[in-house]
Protein backbone atom coordinates (compact mmCIF):
# COMPACT_ATOMS: atom_id res chain seq x y z
CA MET A 1 -16.83 0.59 -13.14
CA VAL A 2 -13.43 0.42 -11.46
CA THR A 3 -13.38 -1.69 -8.32
CA HIS A 4 -10.74 -2.00 -5.67
CA LEU A 5 -9.39 -4.73 -3.43
CA ASP A 6 -8.57 -4.28 0.22
CA GLY A 7 -4.99 -3.75 1.30
CA ASN A 8 -4.55 -7.38 2.32
CA VAL A 9 -3.70 -8.06 -1.33
CA LEU A 10 -0.35 -6.38 -0.58
CA ALA A 11 0.65 -9.09 1.93
CA GLY A 12 2.45 -11.21 -0.66
CA PRO A 13 4.42 -8.50 -2.46
CA LEU A 14 5.37 -6.71 0.78
CA SER A 15 6.45 -10.02 2.34
CA GLU A 16 8.67 -10.66 -0.68
CA ARG A 17 10.26 -7.21 -0.31
CA TYR A 18 10.53 -6.94 3.48
CA GLY A 19 10.42 -10.55 4.67
CA THR A 20 7.21 -10.11 6.68
CA ASP A 21 3.61 -9.10 6.08
CA ARG A 22 3.35 -5.33 6.60
CA THR A 23 -0.39 -4.90 6.01
CA ALA A 24 -1.07 -4.51 9.76
CA GLU A 25 1.26 -1.50 9.92
CA VAL A 26 -0.64 1.65 10.89
CA GLY A 27 0.11 4.93 9.20
CA SER A 28 -1.54 8.17 8.17
CA CYS A 29 -2.45 9.80 4.90
CA ALA A 30 -0.38 12.94 4.36
CA GLU A 31 -3.28 14.49 2.42
CA CYS A 32 -6.25 14.09 4.79
CA GLY A 33 -4.71 12.80 8.04
CA GLN A 34 -6.79 9.60 8.14
CA SER A 35 -5.05 6.88 10.17
CA GLY A 36 -5.36 3.18 9.55
CA SER A 37 -3.59 0.00 8.60
CA LEU A 38 -2.39 -0.73 5.08
CA ALA A 39 -5.00 -3.51 5.05
CA GLN A 40 -7.69 -0.80 5.14
CA SER A 41 -6.42 0.95 2.02
CA HIS A 42 -8.12 0.59 -1.34
CA VAL A 43 -5.80 -1.20 -3.78
CA TYR A 44 -6.09 -1.04 -7.55
CA THR A 45 -4.20 -3.50 -9.71
CA GLY A 46 -2.85 -3.43 -13.22
CA ALA A 47 0.84 -3.23 -14.02
CA GLY A 48 1.39 -3.20 -10.26
CA PHE A 49 -0.47 -2.26 -7.11
CA VAL A 50 -1.63 1.24 -6.18
CA ALA A 51 -2.77 1.66 -2.57
CA ARG A 52 -5.03 4.65 -2.06
CA CYS A 53 -6.39 6.24 1.08
CA ALA A 54 -9.86 4.85 1.81
CA ASN A 55 -10.96 8.33 2.91
CA CYS A 56 -9.66 10.76 0.27
CA GLY A 57 -8.19 8.57 -2.47
CA ALA A 58 -4.63 9.92 -2.26
CA VAL A 59 -1.96 7.49 -3.45
CA LEU A 60 -0.32 6.05 -0.32
CA LEU A 61 2.15 3.72 -2.00
CA THR A 62 2.82 1.78 -5.18
CA VAL A 63 4.25 -1.71 -5.56
CA VAL A 64 5.68 -3.08 -8.79
CA GLU A 65 7.00 -6.61 -9.10
CA ARG A 66 9.83 -7.06 -11.59
CA PRO A 67 11.93 -10.14 -12.26
CA GLY A 68 14.13 -10.52 -9.20
CA GLU A 69 12.81 -7.52 -7.26
CA THR A 70 9.79 -5.85 -5.74
CA VAL A 71 9.87 -2.06 -5.94
CA VAL A 72 7.90 -0.13 -3.31
CA ARG A 73 7.48 3.64 -3.56
CA VAL A 74 5.93 5.54 -0.68
CA HIS A 75 3.85 8.55 -1.64
CA ALA A 76 1.33 10.03 0.84
CA LEU A 77 1.85 7.39 3.54
CA THR A 78 3.40 8.74 6.73
CA GLY A 79 4.28 7.27 10.10
CA VAL A 80 5.20 3.81 8.79
CA ASP A 81 8.72 2.42 8.71
CA LEU A 82 8.54 -0.33 6.11
CA GLY A 83 12.15 -1.22 6.61
């Protein structure tokens, strides 16, 4: 059974990338329209972090940490300016 973490697990990687914790940022899912903070997303870990919409499961964003950089790719997350 695959389990998820809440979006607060993104606080560290997003702080490294943007200089501040962005998990309180509120956005919407482009697939279903659900609004909420990144902290409310369901995050799956492995080679990186995959944040999915808690309502429909669409991929909101991915975060991959590499030596010397943190790469953030926005997918179905709208209404958030991460910087």
